[in-house]
Protein backbone atom coordinates (compact mmCIF):
# COMPACT_ATOMS: atom_id res chain seq x y z
CA MET A 1 -222.41 28.10 -97.71
CA GLN A 2 -224.01 31.31 -96.50
CA ILE A 3 -223.40 32.58 -92.97
CA ARG A 4 -225.64 35.28 -91.49
CA GLU A 5 -225.34 36.85 -88.05
CA LEU A 6 -228.61 36.77 -86.14
CA SER A 7 -230.14 39.68 -84.25
CA ILE A 8 -228.34 38.35 -81.17
CA PRO A 9 -224.63 39.25 -81.44
CA ASP A 10 -222.26 36.27 -81.73
CA ALA A 11 -224.90 33.86 -83.03
CA TYR A 12 -225.10 32.82 -86.68
CA GLU A 13 -227.34 30.99 -89.14
CA ILE A 14 -225.49 28.75 -91.60
CA THR A 15 -227.21 27.73 -94.84
CA PRO A 16 -225.30 25.09 -96.81
CA LYS A 17 -225.29 24.67 -100.57
CA GLN A 18 -226.95 21.37 -101.45
CA PHE A 19 -226.06 19.19 -104.44
CA GLY A 20 -228.90 16.88 -105.38
CA ASP A 21 -229.40 14.30 -108.10
CA ASP A 22 -231.37 11.11 -108.64
CA ARG A 23 -229.30 9.40 -105.93
CA GLY A 24 -230.04 11.91 -103.18
CA VAL A 25 -228.23 14.96 -101.84
CA PHE A 26 -224.77 16.00 -100.67
CA LEU A 27 -223.80 19.02 -98.58
CA GLU A 28 -221.12 20.37 -96.26
CA TRP A 29 -222.91 21.03 -92.97
CA TYR A 30 -219.78 22.26 -91.18
CA ARG A 31 -216.74 24.12 -92.53
CA PHE A 32 -214.22 25.22 -89.92
CA ASP A 33 -212.59 27.78 -92.21
CA ARG A 34 -215.80 29.51 -93.27
CA LEU A 35 -217.01 29.72 -89.69
CA GLU A 36 -213.64 31.04 -88.53
CA GLU A 37 -213.91 33.85 -91.09
CA ALA A 38 -217.27 34.84 -89.60
CA ILE A 39 -216.54 34.59 -85.87
CA GLY A 40 -212.86 35.55 -85.81
CA HIS A 41 -211.39 32.41 -84.29
CA SER A 42 -211.26 28.67 -84.86
CA LEU A 43 -213.27 26.15 -82.87
CA ASP A 44 -211.61 23.53 -80.70
CA LEU A 45 -214.37 20.92 -80.88
CA LYS A 46 -214.39 18.42 -78.02
CA GLN A 47 -217.76 16.64 -78.00
CA ALA A 48 -220.65 15.74 -80.31
CA ASN A 49 -224.19 15.23 -79.00
CA THR A 50 -227.45 13.93 -80.45
CA SER A 51 -230.95 14.12 -79.02
CA VAL A 52 -234.14 12.57 -80.40
CA SER A 53 -237.40 14.25 -79.37
CA LYS A 54 -241.10 13.69 -79.90
CA ARG A 55 -243.24 16.51 -81.23
CA GLY A 56 -243.75 19.28 -78.70
CA VAL A 57 -240.65 18.56 -76.63
CA VAL A 58 -238.86 21.70 -75.45
CA ARG A 59 -235.22 21.37 -74.38
CA GLY A 60 -233.57 24.34 -72.69
CA ILE A 61 -232.89 27.11 -71.93
CA HIS A 62 -229.38 25.79 -71.19
CA TYR A 63 -225.99 27.46 -70.80
CA ALA A 64 -222.64 26.92 -69.06
CA ASP A 65 -220.29 29.11 -67.02
CA ILE A 66 -217.62 31.22 -68.74
CA PRO A 67 -214.86 30.21 -68.94
CA PRO A 68 -214.91 27.94 -70.80
CA SER A 69 -218.69 27.50 -71.30
CA GLN A 70 -219.70 25.72 -74.53
CA ALA A 71 -220.02 27.13 -78.02
CA LYS A 72 -222.49 25.03 -80.01
CA TYR A 73 -222.92 24.23 -83.70
CA VAL A 74 -226.37 22.72 -84.12
CA THR A 75 -228.20 21.05 -87.01
CA VAL A 76 -231.09 18.62 -87.60
CA THR A 77 -230.61 15.26 -89.29
CA HIS A 78 -234.24 14.12 -89.14
CA GLY A 79 -237.50 16.03 -88.74
CA ALA A 80 -237.68 19.68 -87.77
CA VAL A 81 -237.19 21.98 -84.79
CA VAL A 82 -237.24 25.68 -84.10
CA ASP A 83 -233.91 26.50 -82.48
CA TYR A 84 -233.63 29.51 -80.17
CA VAL A 85 -230.66 31.58 -79.07
CA ILE A 86 -231.30 33.72 -75.99
CA ASP A 87 -229.00 36.53 -74.91
CA ILE A 88 -228.46 36.01 -71.19
CA ARG A 89 -225.22 38.02 -70.97
CA VAL A 90 -225.80 40.71 -68.37
CA GLY A 91 -224.94 44.09 -69.88
CA SER A 92 -225.44 43.01 -73.48
CA PRO A 93 -227.34 45.46 -75.69
CA THR A 94 -229.74 42.59 -76.48
CA PHE A 95 -229.96 41.11 -72.97
CA GLY A 96 -233.18 39.13 -72.52
CA GLN A 97 -233.91 39.04 -76.25
CA TRP A 98 -233.92 36.01 -78.53
CA ASP A 99 -233.82 34.97 -82.15
CA SER A 100 -234.67 31.66 -83.81
CA VAL A 101 -233.90 29.53 -86.84
CA LEU A 102 -235.94 26.72 -88.37
CA LEU A 103 -233.72 23.65 -88.60
CA ASP A 104 -235.08 20.92 -90.85
CA THR A 105 -234.11 18.47 -93.59
CA THR A 106 -235.30 20.76 -96.38
CA ASP A 107 -232.89 23.69 -96.08
CA ARG A 108 -230.56 21.76 -93.73
CA ARG A 109 -229.46 24.91 -91.94
CA ALA A 110 -227.29 25.00 -88.84
CA ILE A 111 -226.97 27.54 -86.05
CA TYR A 112 -223.84 28.59 -84.20
CA LEU A 113 -224.05 29.98 -80.66
CA SER A 114 -221.03 31.50 -78.94
CA GLU A 115 -220.14 30.77 -75.35
CA GLY A 116 -222.41 32.36 -72.76
CA LEU A 117 -225.56 32.38 -74.86
CA GLY A 118 -228.69 30.49 -73.84
CA HIS A 119 -229.90 27.66 -76.08
CA ALA A 120 -233.27 25.95 -76.48
CA PHE A 121 -235.37 24.24 -79.14
CA VAL A 122 -238.86 22.89 -79.66
CA ALA A 123 -239.52 19.80 -81.79
CA LEU A 124 -242.04 20.27 -84.60
CA THR A 125 -242.08 16.58 -85.59
CA ASP A 126 -241.81 13.21 -83.92
CA ASP A 127 -238.30 11.77 -83.84
CA ALA A 128 -236.77 15.20 -84.39
CA THR A 129 -233.06 14.45 -84.32
CA VAL A 130 -230.75 17.28 -83.31
CA SER A 131 -226.98 16.85 -83.59
CA TYR A 132 -224.51 19.39 -82.32
CA LEU A 133 -220.81 19.95 -81.93
CA VAL A 134 -219.52 21.65 -78.78
CA THR A 135 -216.25 23.18 -77.69
CA ASP A 136 -216.06 21.57 -74.26
CA THR A 137 -217.19 18.36 -72.60
CA TYR A 138 -220.24 18.26 -70.36
CA ASN A 139 -219.59 19.39 -66.80
CA ALA A 140 -222.69 19.17 -64.61
CA SER A 141 -221.26 21.52 -61.97
CA ARG A 142 -220.98 24.34 -64.53
CA GLU A 143 -224.29 23.78 -66.33
CA HIS A 144 -227.33 25.97 -65.67
CA GLY A 145 -230.82 26.51 -66.99
CA ILE A 146 -233.56 29.10 -67.28
CA ASN A 147 -237.22 28.18 -67.45
CA PRO A 148 -238.17 28.22 -71.17
CA LEU A 149 -241.70 29.35 -70.24
CA ASP A 150 -240.39 32.47 -68.47
CA GLU A 151 -242.67 35.31 -69.52
CA GLN A 152 -239.83 37.82 -69.40
CA VAL A 153 -237.98 35.87 -72.09
CA GLY A 154 -241.20 35.23 -73.99
CA LEU A 155 -240.21 32.42 -76.33
CA VAL A 156 -242.91 31.87 -78.96
CA PHE A 157 -243.53 28.26 -79.92
CA PRO A 158 -245.18 27.55 -83.30
CA PRO A 159 -248.73 26.14 -83.16
CA GLU A 160 -247.61 23.03 -85.06
CA ALA A 161 -245.44 22.07 -82.08
CA GLY A 162 -248.55 21.40 -80.01
CA GLU A 163 -248.54 21.41 -76.21
CA PRO A 164 -245.03 21.99 -74.83
CA LEU A 165 -243.47 18.94 -73.16
CA LEU A 166 -240.73 19.80 -70.66
CA SER A 167 -238.56 17.96 -68.19
CA PRO A 168 -238.84 18.74 -64.46
CA LYS A 169 -235.26 20.04 -64.66
CA ASP A 170 -236.36 22.74 -67.11
CA THR A 171 -239.66 23.63 -65.43
CA ASP A 172 -237.88 23.91 -62.07
CA ALA A 173 -235.19 26.19 -63.51
CA PRO A 174 -235.20 29.83 -62.37
CA SER A 175 -236.56 32.73 -64.37
CA LEU A 176 -234.13 35.06 -66.10
CA ALA A 177 -234.65 37.67 -63.38
CA GLU A 178 -234.05 35.11 -60.63
CA ALA A 179 -230.89 33.88 -62.34
CA GLU A 180 -229.63 37.46 -62.69
CA THR A 181 -230.34 38.22 -59.04
CA SER A 182 -228.53 35.08 -57.89
CA GLY A 183 -225.45 36.04 -59.94
CA ILE A 184 -225.27 32.89 -62.07
CA LEU A 185 -225.57 34.56 -65.46
CA PRO A 186 -222.53 35.36 -67.61
CA SER A 187 -221.76 38.99 -68.31
CA TRP A 188 -221.38 40.71 -71.66
CA ASP A 189 -217.90 41.95 -70.74
CA GLU A 190 -216.54 38.56 -69.64
CA ALA A 191 -218.04 36.89 -72.72
CA ARG A 192 -216.49 39.40 -75.10
CA ALA A 193 -213.14 39.17 -73.34
CA PHE A 194 -213.26 35.38 -73.67
CA TYR A 195 -214.04 35.59 -77.42
CA ALA A 196 -211.11 37.98 -77.85
CA SER A 197 -208.77 35.54 -76.08
CA LEU A 198 -209.83 32.79 -78.48
CA GLY A 199 -208.93 35.03 -81.43
CA GLU A 200 -205.49 35.63 -79.95
CA LYS A 201 -204.84 31.88 -80.00
CA ARG A 202 -205.23 31.60 -83.77
């Protein structure tokens, strides 16, 4: 398993080693110890989610309040998506920037996003099945979104995704600037302090 930090601090791409033969393939898609080595603390996983999307569907940009927010460990079990991590932590050196990872059933990569980061993906295939582990249960009162078509963020969707298909919840979400002005974004300092507190619990 190879773990690489993305251009957004506290987000990582995980590439598993695959063992294939005439029966199929085997891999470890999550290893708590290897991830702990990379991020400095263990994960207390509390929920697992799966979404199935048709080609062109965009989900996100989603995030939750710190504390406790939700760290996410995301992979694809069918089809392909481009998965995006967006730095929405006010004061971060990469605030407003994003990075992406292709998640598919060829390389079978995963992506880890720390608490306070924005998350989105676009489906490149029909029936794209995304499964992810999270560190807290869903709490609607603490969940927020940013419009994934916000020009300031500037997410680039691959041509093979086709026309973006979004829910009203996501198209009605504020822009990054509006969210910052309204004070609903996490800050870099509070996020880093929260990560440090998780390391102290090891």
